[in-house]
Amino acid sequence: MNILEKIVQHKRIEVAEAKKGISVDELKEKSLFNRTCYSLRESVLDLDRNGIIAEFKRASPSKGIINDRSDVSEIAKAYEQNHVSAISVLTDSEFFKGTLDDLVAVREAVKIPVLRKEFIVDPFQITEAKAYGADIILLIAACLSSKEIKEFSAYAKKIGLNVLLEIHNEEELKDNKFDTIDAIGVNNRNLIDFSVSIQHSLDLASLIPVQYIKVSESGISDPDTIKLLKNEGFQAFLIGENFMKTEDPAQAIQDFVKHI
C-alpha cells in the first residue's frame, strides 16, 4: 500500500467518525456556512495580487514536522499583506498535523480566498469545508473516480464553493473536464514516491483548456520558476513548504515576492 492509499483508507474511517459527532444539517446551521465565498478566479486575475496560493503546513508524510512553531493567524496575515491570491490550509490531522480550527483561524484573519487542503472522499467534507470558512475545495483525481469528481464538484458549486481539481497526468485531465470545476492544478509531486519535477506542469500546460484557471502545485522554491510557469500559461502557483520550513515564514514570503 502506497502513502496515498494509506491516507485515503484512514480518511474514510475518520469521516465516518466525524459523521457520528455532527450532522450535515448541523453543519449548515453554522454561521460561516451562509457566507458568500470569495472568487478564486477574481483573486488570481487581480493585477494587485501575484497568483501565489501560499500554504500553512505543519507537517507532511515525507518530511515529518516542517513547522510547529508559527502562529496560523499571523502567517495568514503576512501572506495576505504580501499580495498572495489565496491561502491553502492543511486540515488533515493524522498525516499533516492540521485541524479545522486552523481553517477557521485563517478565515477570521484574512479577506482573500481560503482553500481547504484535504483528501476529500465524501460530500460530508465539502459541507464541512463551507461550514468552517473555506472558499475553495480541493478534489484529487488520483483519489476519486470521474463520477465522484463530477458529483462532488457539482455539489460544491451548488453551495457556493470554488473547486480546484488536482491532476498528475494527461489521462486524469482528459477524463475530468467538467463545467463545475474552476481551476485545474498540476501537482509536480508524485504522490507515490514524493519525487518532484516542474516538468509535469510544463508538459500539461498547453493541454489544460483556457476556461480553467491553471495552477502549478508543489516544488516551487524559486521566483524564476514562477516566471517560467507564467510564460507557459499558468496563472496560479501553490507553494507548500517553501515558506513554512524557514524560521520566519512571514519574512520568507516578503523576500520571495520581491523577485517575482
Protein backbone atom coordinates (compact mmCIF):
# COMPACT_ATOMS: atom_id res chain seq x y z
CA MET A 1 0.00 0.00 0.00
CA ASN A 2 1.47 3.38 -1.01
CA ILE A 3 1.13 6.50 1.12
CA LEU A 4 -1.78 7.94 -0.86
CA GLU A 5 -3.76 4.71 -0.44
CA LYS A 6 -2.91 4.70 3.26
CA ILE A 7 -4.10 8.30 3.67
CA VAL A 8 -7.36 7.66 1.81
CA GLN A 9 -8.03 4.50 3.80
CA HIS A 10 -7.57 6.37 7.07
CA LYS A 11 -9.62 9.31 5.79
CA ARG A 12 -12.68 7.14 5.19
CA ILE A 13 -12.53 5.93 8.79
CA GLU A 14 -12.00 9.50 10.01
CA VAL A 15 -15.00 10.81 8.06
CA ALA A 16 -17.22 8.02 9.38
CA GLU A 17 -16.29 9.06 12.92
CA ALA A 18 -16.87 12.75 12.17
CA LYS A 19 -20.37 11.99 10.94
CA LYS A 20 -21.20 10.48 14.34
CA GLY A 21 -20.36 13.78 16.01
CA ILE A 22 -22.25 16.24 13.83
CA SER A 23 -24.88 16.03 11.11
CA VAL A 24 -24.93 17.77 7.74
CA ASP A 25 -27.92 19.81 8.92
CA GLU A 26 -25.96 20.96 11.98
CA LEU A 27 -23.02 21.94 9.78
CA LYS A 28 -25.36 24.02 7.62
CA GLU A 29 -26.52 25.90 10.71
CA LYS A 30 -23.02 27.21 11.42
CA SER A 31 -22.68 30.92 10.72
CA LEU A 32 -19.82 30.55 8.24
CA PHE A 33 -21.85 28.20 6.05
CA ASN A 34 -24.08 31.01 4.84
CA ARG A 35 -21.34 33.47 3.92
CA THR A 36 -20.66 34.27 0.28
CA CYS A 37 -17.35 32.79 -0.80
CA TYR A 38 -14.58 34.86 -2.33
CA SER A 39 -13.95 34.08 -6.01
CA LEU A 40 -10.73 32.22 -6.76
CA ARG A 41 -10.79 33.41 -10.37
CA GLU A 42 -11.21 37.06 -9.44
CA SER A 43 -8.44 36.90 -6.88
CA VAL A 44 -5.99 35.10 -9.19
CA LEU A 45 -6.63 37.52 -12.05
CA ASP A 46 -6.48 40.60 -9.81
CA LEU A 47 -3.47 42.61 -11.01
CA ASP A 48 -2.77 43.71 -7.44
CA ARG A 49 -2.12 40.08 -6.47
CA ASN A 50 0.70 37.75 -7.51
CA GLY A 51 -1.03 34.43 -8.21
CA ILE A 52 0.59 32.65 -5.27
CA ILE A 53 -1.54 30.27 -3.21
CA ALA A 54 0.55 30.18 -0.03
CA GLU A 55 0.14 27.28 2.33
CA PHE A 56 0.01 26.88 6.08
CA LYS A 57 1.51 23.44 6.63
CA ARG A 58 2.79 21.99 9.88
CA ALA A 59 3.99 18.60 8.65
CA SER A 60 3.92 16.09 5.80
CA PRO A 61 4.36 12.33 5.48
CA SER A 62 7.63 12.76 3.57
CA LYS A 63 9.25 15.50 5.69
CA GLY A 64 7.73 14.98 9.14
CA ILE A 65 7.42 18.17 11.19
CA ILE A 66 8.02 21.20 8.97
CA ASN A 67 6.93 23.99 11.31
CA ASP A 68 5.06 23.52 14.58
CA ARG A 69 6.02 26.93 15.98
CA SER A 70 4.41 29.60 13.80
CA ASP A 71 1.01 31.05 14.64
CA VAL A 72 -1.54 30.33 11.92
CA SER A 73 -3.27 33.72 12.11
CA GLU A 74 -0.01 35.67 11.97
CA ILE A 75 1.24 33.70 8.98
CA ALA A 76 -2.07 34.14 7.16
CA LYS A 77 -1.96 37.89 7.68
CA ALA A 78 1.64 38.02 6.43
CA TYR A 79 0.63 36.08 3.32
CA GLU A 80 -2.23 38.48 2.62
CA GLN A 81 -0.02 41.53 3.20
CA ASN A 82 2.35 40.18 0.57
CA HIS A 83 -0.43 40.06 -2.03
CA VAL A 84 -0.99 36.32 -2.39
CA SER A 85 -4.13 35.33 -4.29
CA ALA A 86 -5.26 32.67 -1.82
CA ILE A 87 -4.19 30.73 1.25
CA SER A 88 -4.14 26.94 1.46
CA VAL A 89 -4.76 25.33 4.84
CA LEU A 90 -4.00 21.67 5.54
CA THR A 91 -6.78 20.24 7.70
CA ASP A 92 -5.66 16.59 7.80
CA SER A 93 -4.59 15.77 11.35
CA GLU A 94 -3.15 12.27 11.06
CA PHE A 95 -0.52 12.92 8.39
CA PHE A 96 -0.19 16.73 8.21
CA LYS A 97 -0.99 17.80 11.81
CA GLY A 98 -3.64 20.26 10.61
CA THR A 99 -7.09 21.00 12.03
CA LEU A 100 -10.39 22.58 11.08
CA ASP A 101 -9.59 25.18 13.76
CA ASP A 102 -6.70 26.31 11.54
CA LEU A 103 -9.18 26.85 8.73
CA VAL A 104 -11.42 28.99 10.94
CA ALA A 105 -8.44 30.98 12.22
CA VAL A 106 -7.29 31.82 8.70
CA ARG A 107 -10.83 32.72 7.60
CA GLU A 108 -11.09 35.16 10.51
CA ALA A 109 -7.66 36.66 9.79
CA VAL A 110 -7.90 37.47 6.07
CA LYS A 111 -10.22 38.69 3.33
CA ILE A 112 -8.99 36.61 0.42
CA PRO A 113 -9.95 33.09 -0.74
CA VAL A 114 -9.04 30.19 1.54
CA LEU A 115 -8.54 26.66 0.26
CA ARG A 116 -9.30 23.67 2.43
CA LYS A 117 -6.39 21.36 1.53
CA GLU A 118 -7.77 17.93 2.29
CA PHE A 119 -8.21 14.43 0.91
CA ILE A 120 -11.91 14.65 0.10
CA VAL A 121 -13.62 11.27 -0.24
CA ASP A 122 -17.16 12.16 0.87
CA PRO A 123 -19.59 15.07 0.25
CA PHE A 124 -19.75 15.48 4.04
CA GLN A 125 -16.27 17.02 3.90
CA ILE A 126 -17.46 19.55 1.33
CA THR A 127 -20.29 20.69 3.61
CA GLU A 128 -17.75 20.76 6.44
CA ALA A 129 -15.40 22.93 4.38
CA LYS A 130 -18.10 25.56 3.80
CA ALA A 131 -19.18 25.44 7.45
CA TYR A 132 -15.63 26.12 8.66
CA GLY A 133 -14.94 29.04 6.33
CA ALA A 134 -13.37 27.64 3.17
CA ASP A 135 -13.91 29.32 -0.18
CA ILE A 136 -12.26 26.57 -2.22
CA ILE A 137 -12.13 22.80 -2.00
CA LEU A 138 -9.51 20.51 -3.48
CA LEU A 139 -10.52 17.38 -5.36
CA ILE A 140 -7.64 15.00 -6.09
CA ALA A 141 -8.17 12.98 -9.27
CA ALA A 142 -5.90 10.21 -8.02
CA CYS A 143 -8.28 9.62 -5.08
CA LEU A 144 -11.61 9.76 -6.91
CA SER A 145 -13.45 8.36 -9.90
CA SER A 146 -14.62 10.68 -12.67
CA LYS A 147 -18.17 10.12 -11.47
CA GLU A 148 -17.25 11.21 -7.95
CA ILE A 149 -15.41 14.28 -9.24
CA LYS A 150 -18.44 15.28 -11.27
CA GLU A 151 -20.85 14.74 -8.37
CA PHE A 152 -18.62 16.32 -5.71
CA SER A 153 -17.80 19.39 -7.82
CA ALA A 154 -21.47 19.89 -8.69
CA TYR A 155 -22.41 19.80 -5.01
CA ALA A 156 -19.60 22.19 -4.10
CA LYS A 157 -20.77 24.68 -6.71
CA LYS A 158 -24.35 24.31 -5.52
CA ILE A 159 -23.39 25.50 -2.04
CA GLY A 160 -21.19 28.30 -3.38
CA LEU A 161 -17.67 26.90 -3.19
CA ASN A 162 -14.89 27.19 -5.75
CA VAL A 163 -13.40 23.90 -6.98
CA LEU A 164 -9.73 23.15 -7.67
CA LEU A 165 -9.13 19.79 -9.35
CA GLU A 166 -5.65 18.34 -8.87
CA ILE A 167 -4.25 16.13 -11.63
CA HIS A 168 -0.97 14.30 -12.15
CA ASN A 169 -1.13 13.20 -15.77
CA GLU A 170 -2.85 13.68 -19.11
CA GLU A 171 -5.32 10.83 -18.55
CA GLU A 172 -6.69 12.44 -15.37
CA LEU A 173 -7.09 15.72 -17.25
CA LYS A 174 -8.83 14.11 -20.22
CA ASP A 175 -11.37 12.31 -18.03
CA ASN A 176 -12.37 15.26 -15.85
CA LYS A 177 -13.26 18.36 -17.86
CA PHE A 178 -16.43 19.48 -16.08
CA ASP A 179 -18.06 22.91 -16.05
CA THR A 180 -18.36 22.64 -12.26
CA ILE A 181 -14.58 22.97 -11.90
CA ASP A 182 -12.99 26.42 -11.62
CA ALA A 183 -9.30 25.58 -11.68
CA ILE A 184 -7.07 22.69 -12.64
CA GLY A 185 -3.86 22.19 -10.72
CA VAL A 186 -0.93 20.08 -11.87
CA ASN A 187 0.79 18.52 -8.88
CA ASN A 188 4.51 18.39 -9.56
CA ARG A 189 4.92 15.95 -6.68
CA ASN A 190 4.47 12.27 -7.33
CA LEU A 191 2.09 11.11 -4.59
CA ILE A 192 3.52 7.61 -4.74
CA ASP A 193 7.25 8.27 -4.22
CA PHE A 194 7.16 12.05 -3.44
CA SER A 195 9.68 12.96 -6.15
CA VAL A 196 9.12 16.46 -7.57
CA SER A 197 9.50 17.79 -11.11
CA ILE A 198 8.26 21.09 -12.55
CA GLN A 199 8.33 19.32 -15.92
CA HIS A 200 4.92 17.82 -15.05
CA SER A 201 3.40 21.30 -15.25
CA LEU A 202 5.31 22.23 -18.38
CA ASP A 203 4.18 19.06 -20.15
CA LEU A 204 0.49 19.56 -19.35
CA ALA A 205 0.19 23.36 -19.58
CA SER A 206 -0.99 23.54 -23.19
CA LEU A 207 -3.48 20.68 -22.67
CA ILE A 208 -5.49 22.45 -19.97
CA PRO A 209 -8.48 24.24 -21.59
CA VAL A 210 -8.46 28.03 -21.31
CA GLN A 211 -11.72 28.16 -19.32
CA TYR A 212 -9.91 26.84 -16.27
CA ILE A 213 -7.53 28.76 -14.03
CA LYS A 214 -4.20 26.96 -14.45
CA VAL A 215 -2.40 26.17 -11.21
CA SER A 216 1.05 24.65 -10.74
CA GLU A 217 1.42 22.91 -7.39
CA SER A 218 4.44 21.86 -5.30
CA GLY A 219 8.18 22.09 -5.81
CA ILE A 220 8.19 25.85 -6.39
CA SER A 221 11.03 27.42 -4.42
CA ASP A 222 12.48 29.99 -6.81
CA PRO A 223 10.84 33.16 -8.21
CA ASP A 224 12.37 32.32 -11.60
CA THR A 225 10.28 29.14 -11.65
CA ILE A 226 7.14 31.25 -11.37
CA LYS A 227 8.31 33.38 -14.28
CA LEU A 228 8.86 30.23 -16.34
CA LEU A 229 5.43 28.85 -15.43
CA LYS A 230 3.74 32.16 -16.26
CA ASN A 231 5.30 32.05 -19.71
CA GLU A 232 3.71 28.62 -20.17
CA GLY A 233 0.26 29.95 -19.27
CA PHE A 234 -0.03 29.22 -15.56
CA GLN A 235 -1.84 31.87 -13.55
CA ALA A 236 -1.54 30.50 -10.01
CA PHE A 237 1.18 28.77 -8.03
CA LEU A 238 0.57 26.70 -4.91
CA ILE A 239 3.63 26.92 -2.68
CA GLY A 240 3.59 24.44 0.18
CA GLU A 241 6.59 24.11 2.45
CA ASN A 242 8.96 26.69 0.93
CA PHE A 243 7.88 29.43 3.36
CA MET A 244 6.85 27.23 6.27
CA LYS A 245 10.21 25.45 6.52
CA THR A 246 12.01 28.70 7.37
CA GLU A 247 12.49 30.22 10.82
CA ASP A 248 10.38 33.23 9.76
CA PRO A 249 7.77 32.38 7.12
CA ALA A 250 6.49 35.98 7.09
CA GLN A 251 9.94 37.28 6.16
CA ALA A 252 10.45 34.43 3.70
CA ILE A 253 7.42 35.31 1.61
CA GLN A 254 8.28 39.01 1.72
CA ASP A 255 11.75 38.26 0.34
CA PHE A 256 10.33 35.86 -2.27
CA VAL A 257 7.73 38.16 -3.81
CA LYS A 258 10.27 40.97 -4.26
CA HIS A 259 11.82 38.94 -7.06
CA ILE A 260 8.71 37.87 -8.98
